[in-house]
Amino acid sequence: MIFAAKVSEVPPWGKKVVSINGQEILLVNAKGIIYACETECPHQGAPLSGALVKDAEHLSCQRHGYRFSLKTGACADFPEYTLKVYPVQVQGDDIMVDLG
């Protein structure tokens, strides 16, 4: 697990792009749960920094509305597209991400 950011840096229902070992990762705070995923939509590469946090478990791309599970990366409507997600642990105020 690698330090990514402080929980206080990712506002509720907000997002933050961070760089971990030269790789950009999007952190998402959905109802107090921190998720980590790739920064671009797997459909056409739209930046997900502008995506909408739809509920406590989903991120919706602003370009075409593809909705991805923040837990699994699955897109129910278009299963051929999967968002890469990363395991997260919160230790105090530290967000730790496992890039695999």
Protein backbone atom coordinates (compact mmCIF):
# COMPACT_ATOMS: atom_id res chain seq x y z
CA MET A 1 0.00 0.00 0.00
CA ILE A 2 1.29 3.42 -0.98
CA PHE A 3 0.29 6.78 0.52
CA ALA A 4 -1.95 8.69 -1.93
CA ALA A 5 -3.45 11.65 -0.04
CA LYS A 6 -5.15 12.74 3.14
CA VAL A 7 -8.86 11.98 3.54
CA SER A 8 -9.36 15.68 4.32
CA GLU A 9 -8.13 16.49 0.77
CA VAL A 10 -11.02 14.62 -0.89
CA PRO A 11 -14.28 16.40 -0.04
CA PRO A 12 -17.51 14.45 0.52
CA TRP A 13 -18.98 13.49 -2.88
CA GLY A 14 -15.78 14.88 -4.43
CA LYS A 15 -12.77 13.69 -6.38
CA LYS A 16 -9.03 14.32 -6.45
CA VAL A 17 -6.42 13.28 -9.01
CA VAL A 18 -3.13 12.18 -7.43
CA SER A 19 0.11 10.83 -8.81
CA ILE A 20 1.48 7.65 -7.26
CA ASN A 21 4.84 6.45 -8.56
CA GLY A 22 4.23 8.42 -11.77
CA GLN A 23 0.76 6.97 -12.30
CA GLU A 24 -2.30 9.22 -12.09
CA ILE A 25 -5.13 7.85 -9.93
CA LEU A 26 -8.55 9.32 -9.24
CA LEU A 27 -9.66 9.25 -5.61
CA VAL A 28 -13.40 9.46 -5.00
CA ASN A 29 -15.18 10.14 -1.72
CA ALA A 30 -18.65 8.60 -2.00
CA LYS A 31 -20.66 8.88 1.18
CA GLY A 32 -17.51 8.78 3.30
CA ILE A 33 -15.99 5.77 1.54
CA ILE A 34 -12.79 6.40 -0.42
CA TYR A 35 -12.32 4.64 -3.75
CA ALA A 36 -9.43 4.73 -6.23
CA CYS A 37 -9.67 4.21 -9.99
CA GLU A 38 -8.06 5.10 -13.28
CA THR A 39 -8.43 8.72 -14.42
CA GLU A 40 -9.89 8.10 -17.88
CA CYS A 41 -13.11 6.46 -19.01
CA PRO A 42 -12.38 3.09 -20.65
CA HIS A 43 -14.97 3.86 -23.36
CA GLN A 44 -13.33 6.84 -25.12
CA GLY A 45 -10.75 8.18 -22.69
CA ALA A 46 -12.74 11.10 -21.29
CA PRO A 47 -11.17 12.49 -18.09
CA LEU A 48 -13.09 11.21 -15.09
CA SER A 49 -12.09 14.20 -12.97
CA GLY A 50 -15.32 15.74 -14.30
CA ALA A 51 -17.42 12.62 -13.75
CA LEU A 52 -20.44 12.62 -11.47
CA VAL A 53 -20.54 10.64 -8.25
CA LYS A 54 -24.02 9.20 -8.77
CA ASP A 55 -24.54 7.49 -5.45
CA ALA A 56 -22.50 5.71 -2.81
CA GLU A 57 -21.15 3.20 -5.34
CA HIS A 58 -21.10 4.62 -8.88
CA LEU A 59 -19.22 7.10 -11.02
CA SER A 60 -20.82 8.38 -14.23
CA CYS A 61 -18.67 9.61 -17.13
CA GLN A 62 -19.66 13.11 -18.17
CA ARG A 63 -19.18 12.42 -21.90
CA HIS A 64 -21.67 9.59 -22.56
CA GLY A 65 -23.02 8.76 -19.11
CA TYR A 66 -21.39 5.34 -18.78
CA ARG A 67 -21.89 4.38 -15.15
CA PHE A 68 -19.16 2.38 -13.42
CA SER A 69 -19.16 0.59 -10.08
CA LEU A 70 -16.54 2.13 -7.81
CA LYS A 71 -16.23 -1.24 -6.07
CA THR A 72 -15.69 -3.51 -9.07
CA GLY A 73 -15.24 -1.21 -12.08
CA ALA A 74 -18.11 -2.98 -13.89
CA CYS A 75 -20.41 -1.09 -16.24
CA ALA A 76 -23.83 -2.81 -16.12
CA ASP A 77 -25.13 -1.25 -19.36
CA PHE A 78 -21.94 -1.86 -21.35
CA PRO A 79 -20.13 -4.86 -19.81
CA GLU A 80 -17.37 -4.71 -22.44
CA TYR A 81 -16.03 -1.62 -20.63
CA THR A 82 -14.51 -2.01 -17.18
CA LEU A 83 -13.01 0.78 -15.11
CA LYS A 84 -9.74 -0.18 -13.44
CA VAL A 85 -10.17 0.14 -9.66
CA TYR A 86 -7.56 -0.20 -6.93
CA PRO A 87 -7.80 -1.47 -3.34
CA VAL A 88 -7.86 1.33 -0.74
CA GLN A 89 -7.20 1.38 2.99
CA VAL A 90 -7.76 4.41 5.17
CA GLN A 91 -5.36 4.63 8.11
CA GLY A 92 -6.35 7.60 10.25
CA ASP A 93 -6.38 10.50 7.77
CA ASP A 94 -4.06 8.72 5.29
CA ILE A 95 -5.42 7.16 2.10
CA MET A 96 -3.32 4.17 1.08
CA VAL A 97 -3.70 2.62 -2.39
CA ASP A 98 -2.48 -0.72 -3.71
CA LEU A 99 -1.49 -0.38 -7.37
CA GLY A 100 -0.97 -4.12 -7.62
